[in-house]
């Protein structure tokens, strides 16, 4: 039963052998393509991992700088600067857009930020006191947003690639350890059965040829015996006629006077 479970349950014919061979060729090509896909995804995965590590290292310094700039702005302009900024802002000056990038058949999400041109109207915020610190704080937090958007894009791509690599590796292992061995065992089984059938046919033909040869020899022997009997009968008939002729010549002929 263990041997049968490692092969397909098929009828051992030449047509089925061709079908299974075609399936094995397709499985081999699919295994090679999936292996290349897994390697490409792994390379991209490692590159993204390096970018994530470097981005997280730089994010600490950027977030520290932005927090310090916010503290400076509050110290110089006062705590009421928060309300002034909120009153001057009507809509977001930075927008995040998403798109997809195709890597070896896997769609990776990418996030990009864009700045609107109307952001310059807030340059006069804090003009009475602490305007410079407010603008420095704004620039620092814009850099922080840039890093956060990049990190979010890398993290999302990292998780997507992780799932894709696991799925691809499962398919590669299934083809390598289950599908291909099963097809190879099926091909070996069909070839063995076909060879056995061929040997049976060859043995059957030899038996038939031997029977026909014996029949021909028997008929030839019978024909020779028949010919010998006919020759013997013919010889006996000739000798009997010749003896009758001799016996007739020795008798007296009534028509002869002397």
C-alpha atoms as a PDB file:
ATOM      1  CA  UNK A   1       0.000   0.000   0.000  1.00  0.00           C
ATOM      2  CA  UNK A   2       2.883   2.366   0.698  1.00  0.00           C
ATOM      3  CA  UNK A   3       4.218   1.830  -2.816  1.00  0.00           C
ATOM      4  CA  UNK A   4       0.801   2.483  -4.336  1.00  0.00           C
ATOM      5  CA  UNK A   5       0.385   5.689  -2.326  1.00  0.00           C
ATOM      6  CA  UNK A   6       3.614   7.013  -3.862  1.00  0.00           C
ATOM      7  CA  UNK A   7       2.266   6.750  -7.409  1.00  0.00           C
ATOM      8  CA  UNK A   8      -0.856   7.640  -9.317  1.00  0.00           C
ATOM      9  CA  UNK A   9      -3.619   5.104  -9.786  1.00  0.00           C
ATOM     10  CA  UNK A  10      -3.535   4.842 -13.594  1.00  0.00           C
ATOM     11  CA  UNK A  11      -3.927   2.185 -16.269  1.00  0.00           C
ATOM     12  CA  UNK A  12      -0.473   1.159 -17.591  1.00  0.00           C
ATOM     13  CA  UNK A  13      -0.787   2.064 -21.271  1.00  0.00           C
ATOM     14  CA  UNK A  14       1.481   3.826 -23.750  1.00  0.00           C
ATOM     15  CA  UNK A  15      -0.923   6.777 -23.962  1.00  0.00           C
ATOM     16  CA  UNK A  16      -0.973   7.185 -20.191  1.00  0.00           C
ATOM     17  CA  UNK A  17       2.822   6.977 -20.161  1.00  0.00           C
ATOM     18  CA  UNK A  18       2.989   9.958 -22.527  1.00  0.00           C
ATOM     19  CA  UNK A  19       0.497  11.894 -20.412  1.00  0.00           C
ATOM     20  CA  UNK A  20       2.429  11.283 -17.190  1.00  0.00           C
ATOM     21  CA  UNK A  21       5.715  12.212 -18.881  1.00  0.00           C
ATOM     22  CA  UNK A  22       4.172  15.495 -20.055  1.00  0.00           C
ATOM     23  CA  UNK A  23       2.981  16.160 -16.512  1.00  0.00           C
ATOM     24  CA  UNK A  24       6.469  15.455 -15.199  1.00  0.00           C
ATOM     25  CA  UNK A  25       7.974  17.922 -17.686  1.00  0.00           C
ATOM     26  CA  UNK A  26       5.455  20.563 -16.609  1.00  0.00           C
ATOM     27  CA  UNK A  27       6.165  19.886 -12.929  1.00  0.00           C
ATOM     28  CA  UNK A  28       9.920  20.173 -13.537  1.00  0.00           C
ATOM     29  CA  UNK A  29       9.527  23.495 -15.331  1.00  0.00           C
ATOM     30  CA  UNK A  30       7.168  24.778 -12.657  1.00  0.00           C
ATOM     31  CA  UNK A  31       9.624  23.733  -9.953  1.00  0.00           C
ATOM     32  CA  UNK A  32      12.466  25.587 -11.697  1.00  0.00           C
ATOM     33  CA  UNK A  33      10.370  28.746 -12.158  1.00  0.00           C
ATOM     34  CA  UNK A  34       9.144  28.708  -8.563  1.00  0.00           C
ATOM     35  CA  UNK A  35      12.709  28.181  -7.355  1.00  0.00           C
ATOM     36  CA  UNK A  36      13.855  31.232  -9.328  1.00  0.00           C
ATOM     37  CA  UNK A  37      10.900  33.200  -8.006  1.00  0.00           C
ATOM     38  CA  UNK A  38      11.769  32.218  -4.438  1.00  0.00           C
ATOM     39  CA  UNK A  39      15.385  33.282  -4.946  1.00  0.00           C
ATOM     40  CA  UNK A  40      14.322  36.647  -6.408  1.00  0.00           C
ATOM     41  CA  UNK A  41      11.894  37.269  -3.553  1.00  0.00           C
ATOM     42  CA  UNK A  42      14.553  36.312  -1.010  1.00  0.00           C
ATOM     43  CA  UNK A  43      17.012  38.802  -2.501  1.00  0.00           C
ATOM     44  CA  UNK A  44      14.374  41.553  -2.424  1.00  0.00           C
ATOM     45  CA  UNK A  45      13.443  40.513   1.124  1.00  0.00           C
ATOM     46  CA  UNK A  46      17.021  40.929   2.338  1.00  0.00           C
ATOM     47  CA  UNK A  47      17.358  44.308   0.645  1.00  0.00           C
ATOM     48  CA  UNK A  48      14.169  45.538   2.303  1.00  0.00           C
ATOM     49  CA  UNK A  49      15.381  44.196   5.658  1.00  0.00           C
ATOM     50  CA  UNK A  50      18.610  46.199   5.343  1.00  0.00           C
ATOM     51  CA  UNK A  51      16.625  49.327   4.459  1.00  0.00           C
ATOM     52  CA  UNK A  52      14.335  48.786   7.449  1.00  0.00           C
ATOM     53  CA  UNK A  53      17.301  48.517   9.824  1.00  0.00           C
ATOM     54  CA  UNK A  54      18.964  51.680   8.450  1.00  0.00           C
ATOM     55  CA  UNK A  55      15.650  53.587   8.429  1.00  0.00           C
ATOM     56  CA  UNK A  56      14.898  52.660  12.035  1.00  0.00           C
ATOM     57  CA  UNK A  57      18.374  53.752  13.071  1.00  0.00           C
ATOM     58  CA  UNK A  58      17.923  57.147  11.398  1.00  0.00           C
ATOM     59  CA  UNK A  59      14.345  57.465  12.672  1.00  0.00           C
ATOM     60  CA  UNK A  60      15.542  57.674  16.275  1.00  0.00           C
ATOM     61  CA  UNK A  61      17.706  60.695  15.570  1.00  0.00           C
ATOM     62  CA  UNK A  62      15.034  62.373  13.430  1.00  0.00           C
ATOM     63  CA  UNK A  63      12.288  61.869  16.014  1.00  0.00           C
ATOM     64  CA  UNK A  64      14.598  63.182  18.756  1.00  0.00           C
ATOM     65  CA  UNK A  65      15.379  66.274  16.662  1.00  0.00           C
ATOM     66  CA  UNK A  66      11.709  66.921  15.886  1.00  0.00           C
ATOM     67  CA  UNK A  67      10.688  66.540  19.546  1.00  0.00           C
ATOM     68  CA  UNK A  68      13.445  68.934  20.587  1.00  0.00           C
ATOM     69  CA  UNK A  69      12.323  71.442  17.916  1.00  0.00           C
ATOM     70  CA  UNK A  70       8.735  71.215  19.194  1.00  0.00           C
ATOM     71  CA  UNK A  71       9.959  71.887  22.728  1.00  0.00           C
ATOM     72  CA  UNK A  72      11.905  74.933  21.490  1.00  0.00           C
ATOM     73  CA  UNK A  73       8.874  76.287  19.641  1.00  0.00           C
ATOM     74  CA  UNK A  74       6.667  75.918  22.695  1.00  0.00           C
ATOM     75  CA  UNK A  75       9.279  77.555  24.900  1.00  0.00           C
ATOM     76  CA  UNK A  76       9.808  80.545  22.599  1.00  0.00           C
ATOM     77  CA  UNK A  77       6.296  81.067  21.219  1.00  0.00           C
ATOM     78  CA  UNK A  78       4.401  79.879  24.272  1.00  0.00           C
ATOM     79  CA  UNK A  79       1.843  77.145  24.716  1.00  0.00           C
ATOM     80  CA  UNK A  80      -0.771  79.097  22.739  1.00  0.00           C
ATOM     81  CA  UNK A  81       1.171  78.467  19.511  1.00  0.00           C
ATOM     82  CA  UNK A  82      -0.652  75.146  19.164  1.00  0.00           C
ATOM     83  CA  UNK A  83      -4.010  76.888  18.853  1.00  0.00           C
ATOM     84  CA  UNK A  84      -2.594  79.437  16.414  1.00  0.00           C
ATOM     85  CA  UNK A  85      -1.253  76.685  14.158  1.00  0.00           C
ATOM     86  CA  UNK A  86      -4.537  74.764  14.250  1.00  0.00           C
ATOM     87  CA  UNK A  87      -6.478  77.897  13.277  1.00  0.00           C
ATOM     88  CA  UNK A  88      -4.222  78.594  10.278  1.00  0.00           C
ATOM     89  CA  UNK A  89      -4.317  75.022   8.957  1.00  0.00           C
ATOM     90  CA  UNK A  90      -7.417  74.252   6.875  1.00  0.00           C
ATOM     91  CA  UNK A  91      -6.247  71.083   5.131  1.00  0.00           C
ATOM     92  CA  UNK A  92      -3.260  68.801   5.167  1.00  0.00           C
ATOM     93  CA  UNK A  93      -0.183  70.043   3.364  1.00  0.00           C
ATOM     94  CA  UNK A  94       1.278  66.495   3.062  1.00  0.00           C
ATOM     95  CA  UNK A  95      -0.653  63.679   1.444  1.00  0.00           C
ATOM     96  CA  UNK A  96       0.201  59.995   1.298  1.00  0.00           C
ATOM     97  CA  UNK A  97      -0.608  57.996  -1.829  1.00  0.00           C
ATOM     98  CA  UNK A  98      -0.374  54.254  -2.286  1.00  0.00           C
ATOM     99  CA  UNK A  99       0.660  52.266  -5.338  1.00  0.00           C
ATOM    100  CA  UNK A 100       1.729  48.709  -6.070  1.00  0.00           C
ATOM    101  CA  UNK A 101       5.050  47.421  -7.355  1.00  0.00           C
ATOM    102  CA  UNK A 102       5.341  44.055  -9.086  1.00  0.00           C
ATOM    103  CA  UNK A 103       8.307  41.956  -7.932  1.00  0.00           C
ATOM    104  CA  UNK A 104       8.468  38.450  -9.458  1.00  0.00           C
ATOM    105  CA  UNK A 105       4.684  38.284  -9.702  1.00  0.00           C
ATOM    106  CA  UNK A 106       4.102  39.594  -6.158  1.00  0.00           C
ATOM    107  CA  UNK A 107       2.384  42.976  -5.783  1.00  0.00           C
ATOM    108  CA  UNK A 108       4.097  44.987  -3.067  1.00  0.00           C
ATOM    109  CA  UNK A 109       2.330  48.062  -1.652  1.00  0.00           C
ATOM    110  CA  UNK A 110       4.305  51.292  -1.785  1.00  0.00           C
ATOM    111  CA  UNK A 111       3.467  54.538   0.035  1.00  0.00           C
ATOM    112  CA  UNK A 112       4.578  57.933  -1.247  1.00  0.00           C
ATOM    113  CA  UNK A 113       4.035  61.394   0.199  1.00  0.00           C
ATOM    114  CA  UNK A 114       3.494  64.603  -1.733  1.00  0.00           C
ATOM    115  CA  UNK A 115       3.508  68.242  -0.563  1.00  0.00           C
ATOM    116  CA  UNK A 116       0.834  70.686  -1.730  1.00  0.00           C
ATOM    117  CA  UNK A 117       1.812  74.087  -3.074  1.00  0.00           C
ATOM    118  CA  UNK A 118      -0.467  75.921  -0.618  1.00  0.00           C
ATOM    119  CA  UNK A 119       1.772  75.065   2.327  1.00  0.00           C
ATOM    120  CA  UNK A 120       3.635  78.382   1.961  1.00  0.00           C
ATOM    121  CA  UNK A 121       0.661  80.325   3.314  1.00  0.00           C
ATOM    122  CA  UNK A 122       1.505  79.073   6.812  1.00  0.00           C
ATOM    123  CA  UNK A 123       4.967  80.635   6.736  1.00  0.00           C
ATOM    124  CA  UNK A 124       3.705  83.676   8.678  1.00  0.00           C
ATOM    125  CA  UNK A 125       2.575  81.542  11.623  1.00  0.00           C
ATOM    126  CA  UNK A 126       4.244  82.776  14.837  1.00  0.00           C
ATOM    127  CA  UNK A 127       5.395  86.003  13.233  1.00  0.00           C
ATOM    128  CA  UNK A 128       4.870  87.901  16.472  1.00  0.00           C
ATOM    129  CA  UNK A 129       7.023  85.566  18.504  1.00  0.00           C
ATOM    130  CA  UNK A 130       8.904  82.367  17.806  1.00  0.00           C
ATOM    131  CA  UNK A 131       8.272  82.203  14.091  1.00  0.00           C
ATOM    132  CA  UNK A 132      11.703  80.821  13.282  1.00  0.00           C
ATOM    133  CA  UNK A 133      11.395  78.027  15.844  1.00  0.00           C
ATOM    134  CA  UNK A 134       7.924  77.168  14.512  1.00  0.00           C
ATOM    135  CA  UNK A 135       9.248  76.835  10.959  1.00  0.00           C
ATOM    136  CA  UNK A 136      12.192  74.737  12.171  1.00  0.00           C
ATOM    137  CA  UNK A 137       9.753  72.505  14.040  1.00  0.00           C
ATOM    138  CA  UNK A 138       7.631  72.214  10.889  1.00  0.00           C
ATOM    139  CA  UNK A 139      10.648  71.209   8.773  1.00  0.00           C
ATOM    140  CA  UNK A 140      11.755  68.686  11.408  1.00  0.00           C
ATOM    141  CA  UNK A 141       8.352  67.026  11.548  1.00  0.00           C
ATOM    142  CA  UNK A 142       8.130  66.928   7.738  1.00  0.00           C
ATOM    143  CA  UNK A 143      11.362  64.925   7.759  1.00  0.00           C
ATOM    144  CA  UNK A 144       9.899  62.698  10.456  1.00  0.00           C
ATOM    145  CA  UNK A 145       6.796  62.111   8.336  1.00  0.00           C
ATOM    146  CA  UNK A 146       8.975  61.241   5.354  1.00  0.00           C
ATOM    147  CA  UNK A 147      10.832  58.636   7.408  1.00  0.00           C
ATOM    148  CA  UNK A 148       7.603  57.234   8.863  1.00  0.00           C
ATOM    149  CA  UNK A 149       6.008  56.907   5.424  1.00  0.00           C
ATOM    150  CA  UNK A 150       9.121  55.179   4.086  1.00  0.00           C
ATOM    151  CA  UNK A 151       9.240  52.876   7.093  1.00  0.00           C
ATOM    152  CA  UNK A 152       5.534  52.020   6.726  1.00  0.00           C
ATOM    153  CA  UNK A 153       6.091  51.178   3.062  1.00  0.00           C
ATOM    154  CA  UNK A 154       9.092  48.989   3.897  1.00  0.00           C
ATOM    155  CA  UNK A 155       7.306  47.227   6.747  1.00  0.00           C
ATOM    156  CA  UNK A 156       4.246  46.480   4.612  1.00  0.00           C
ATOM    157  CA  UNK A 157       6.413  45.179   1.764  1.00  0.00           C
ATOM    158  CA  UNK A 158       8.401  43.138   4.280  1.00  0.00           C
ATOM    159  CA  UNK A 159       5.304  41.361   5.591  1.00  0.00           C
ATOM    160  CA  UNK A 160       3.893  40.814   2.091  1.00  0.00           C
ATOM    161  CA  UNK A 161       7.183  39.339   0.878  1.00  0.00           C
ATOM    162  CA  UNK A 162       7.394  37.130   3.961  1.00  0.00           C
ATOM    163  CA  UNK A 163       3.995  35.574   3.197  1.00  0.00           C
ATOM    164  CA  UNK A 164       4.828  35.233  -0.512  1.00  0.00           C
ATOM    165  CA  UNK A 165       8.167  33.523   0.220  1.00  0.00           C
ATOM    166  CA  UNK A 166       6.534  31.071   2.626  1.00  0.00           C
ATOM    167  CA  UNK A 167       3.833  30.222   0.078  1.00  0.00           C
ATOM    168  CA  UNK A 168       6.369  29.832  -2.740  1.00  0.00           C
ATOM    169  CA  UNK A 169       8.650  27.639  -0.626  1.00  0.00           C
ATOM    170  CA  UNK A 170       5.707  25.404   0.289  1.00  0.00           C
ATOM    171  CA  UNK A 171       4.903  24.982  -3.395  1.00  0.00           C
ATOM    172  CA  UNK A 172       8.552  24.273  -4.224  1.00  0.00           C
ATOM    173  CA  UNK A 173       8.781  21.652  -1.475  1.00  0.00           C
ATOM    174  CA  UNK A 174       5.491  20.080  -2.580  1.00  0.00           C
ATOM    175  CA  UNK A 175       6.687  19.790  -6.174  1.00  0.00           C
ATOM    176  CA  UNK A 176      10.116  18.539  -5.175  1.00  0.00           C
ATOM    177  CA  UNK A 177       9.127  16.043  -2.485  1.00  0.00           C
ATOM    178  CA  UNK A 178       5.606  14.945  -3.446  1.00  0.00           C
ATOM    179  CA  UNK A 179       4.543  15.653  -7.028  1.00  0.00           C
ATOM    180  CA  UNK A 180       7.751  14.840  -8.908  1.00  0.00           C
ATOM    181  CA  UNK A 181       8.553  11.601  -6.994  1.00  0.00           C
ATOM    182  CA  UNK A 182       4.969  10.432  -7.435  1.00  0.00           C
ATOM    183  CA  UNK A 183       5.091  11.064 -11.189  1.00  0.00           C
ATOM    184  CA  UNK A 184       8.505   9.390 -11.471  1.00  0.00           C
ATOM    185  CA  UNK A 185       7.232   6.335  -9.572  1.00  0.00           C
ATOM    186  CA  UNK A 186       4.186   6.241 -11.840  1.00  0.00           C
ATOM    187  CA  UNK A 187       6.386   6.324 -14.943  1.00  0.00           C
ATOM    188  CA  UNK A 188       8.558   3.514 -13.554  1.00  0.00           C
ATOM    189  CA  UNK A 189       5.434   1.481 -12.768  1.00  0.00           C
ATOM    190  CA  UNK A 190       3.975   1.962 -16.269  1.00  0.00           C
ATOM    191  CA  UNK A 191       7.301   1.078 -17.914  1.00  0.00           C
ATOM    192  CA  UNK A 192       7.596  -2.052 -15.799  1.00  0.00           C
ATOM    193  CA  UNK A 193       4.064  -3.146 -16.667  1.00  0.00           C
ATOM    194  CA  UNK A 194       4.609  -2.450 -20.369  1.00  0.00           C
ATOM    195  CA  UNK A 195       7.874  -4.434 -20.308  1.00  0.00           C
ATOM    196  CA  UNK A 196       6.065  -7.304 -18.617  1.00  0.00           C
ATOM    197  CA  UNK A 197       3.326  -7.220 -21.253  1.00  0.00           C
ATOM    198  CA  UNK A 198       5.962  -7.150 -23.976  1.00  0.00           C
ATOM    199  CA  UNK A 199       7.691 -10.184 -22.495  1.00  0.00           C
ATOM    200  CA  UNK A 200       4.371 -12.012 -22.281  1.00  0.00           C
ATOM    201  CA  UNK A 201       3.596 -11.188 -25.922  1.00  0.00           C
ATOM    202  CA  UNK A 202       7.084 -12.319 -26.969  1.00  0.00           C
ATOM    203  CA  UNK A 203       6.705 -15.599 -25.086  1.00  0.00           C
ATOM    204  CA  UNK A 204       3.224 -16.104 -26.593  1.00  0.00           C
ATOM    205  CA  UNK A 205       4.564 -15.474 -30.103  1.00  0.00           C
ATOM    206  CA  UNK A 206       7.403 -17.938 -29.538  1.00  0.00           C
ATOM    207  CA  UNK A 207       4.912 -20.582 -28.389  1.00  0.00           C
ATOM    208  CA  UNK A 208       2.695 -19.929 -31.412  1.00  0.00           C
ATOM    209  CA  UNK A 209       5.659 -20.062 -33.786  1.00  0.00           C
ATOM    210  CA  UNK A 210       6.845 -23.308 -32.180  1.00  0.00           C
ATOM    211  CA  UNK A 211       3.364 -24.823 -32.539  1.00  0.00           C
ATOM    212  CA  UNK A 212       3.149 -23.744 -36.184  1.00  0.00           C
ATOM    213  CA  UNK A 213       6.634 -25.116 -36.889  1.00  0.00           C
ATOM    214  CA  UNK A 214       5.708 -28.469 -35.338  1.00  0.00           C
ATOM    215  CA  UNK A 215       2.496 -28.561 -37.350  1.00  0.00           C
ATOM    216  CA  UNK A 216       4.405 -27.834 -40.559  1.00  0.00           C
ATOM    217  CA  UNK A 217       6.975 -30.545 -39.742  1.00  0.00           C
ATOM    218  CA  UNK A 218       4.185 -33.014 -38.948  1.00  0.00           C
ATOM    219  CA  UNK A 219       2.444 -32.236 -42.226  1.00  0.00           C
ATOM    220  CA  UNK A 220       5.708 -32.611 -44.110  1.00  0.00           C
ATOM    221  CA  UNK A 221       6.329 -35.988 -42.459  1.00  0.00           C
ATOM    222  CA  UNK A 222       2.803 -37.091 -43.325  1.00  0.00           C
ATOM    223  CA  UNK A 223       3.276 -35.880 -46.892  1.00  0.00           C
ATOM    224  CA  UNK A 224       6.542 -37.806 -47.219  1.00  0.00           C
ATOM    225  CA  UNK A 225       4.930 -40.920 -45.800  1.00  0.00           C
ATOM    226  CA  UNK A 226       2.041 -40.528 -48.184  1.00  0.00           C
ATOM    227  CA  UNK A 227       4.411 -40.149 -51.109  1.00  0.00           C
ATOM    228  CA  UNK A 228       6.340 -43.223 -50.010  1.00  0.00           C
ATOM    229  CA  UNK A 229       3.103 -45.226 -49.727  1.00  0.00           C
ATOM    230  CA  UNK A 230       2.004 -44.065 -53.160  1.00  0.00           C
ATOM    231  CA  UNK A 231       5.376 -44.987 -54.661  1.00  0.00           C
ATOM    232  CA  UNK A 232       5.220 -48.390 -53.017  1.00  0.00           C
ATOM    233  CA  UNK A 233       1.711 -48.999 -54.288  1.00  0.00           C
ATOM    234  CA  UNK A 234       2.754 -47.870 -57.743  1.00  0.00           C
ATOM    235  CA  UNK A 235       5.689 -50.259 -57.755  1.00  0.00           C
ATOM    236  CA  UNK A 236       3.475 -53.108 -56.597  1.00  0.00           C
ATOM    237  CA  UNK A 237       0.967 -52.382 -59.356  1.00  0.00           C
ATOM    238  CA  UNK A 238       3.663 -52.340 -62.079  1.00  0.00           C
ATOM    239  CA  UNK A 239       5.155 -55.637 -60.905  1.00  0.00           C
ATOM    240  CA  UNK A 240       1.719 -57.273 -60.816  1.00  0.00           C
ATOM    241  CA  UNK A 241       0.923 -56.191 -64.370  1.00  0.00           C
ATOM    242  CA  UNK A 242       4.276 -57.384 -65.663  1.00  0.00           C
ATOM    243  CA  UNK A 243       3.770 -60.765 -64.039  1.00  0.00           C
ATOM    244  CA  UNK A 244       0.344 -61.092 -65.680  1.00  0.00           C
ATOM    245  CA  UNK A 245       1.843 -60.279 -69.062  1.00  0.00           C
ATOM    246  CA  UNK A 246       4.493 -62.944 -68.679  1.00  0.00           C
ATOM    247  CA  UNK A 247       1.946 -65.474 -67.638  1.00  0.00           C
ATOM    248  CA  UNK A 248      -0.143 -64.703 -70.715  1.00  0.00           C
ATOM    249  CA  UNK A 249       2.738 -65.161 -73.152  1.00  0.00           C
ATOM    250  CA  UNK A 250       3.637 -68.647 -71.854  1.00  0.00           C
ATOM    251  CA  UNK A 251       0.132 -70.015 -72.573  1.00  0.00           C
ATOM    252  CA  UNK A 252      -0.863 -71.537 -75.995  1.00  0.00           C
ATOM    253  CA  UNK A 253      -2.510 -69.297 -78.474  1.00  0.00           C
ATOM    254  CA  UNK A 254      -5.443 -70.928 -80.198  1.00  0.00           C
ATOM    255  CA  UNK A 255      -4.903 -68.964 -83.345  1.00  0.00           C
ATOM    256  CA  UNK A 256      -1.408 -70.326 -83.922  1.00  0.00           C
ATOM    257  CA  UNK A 257      -1.388 -73.607 -85.912  1.00  0.00           C
ATOM    258  CA  UNK A 258       2.138 -74.680 -85.339  1.00  0.00           C
END
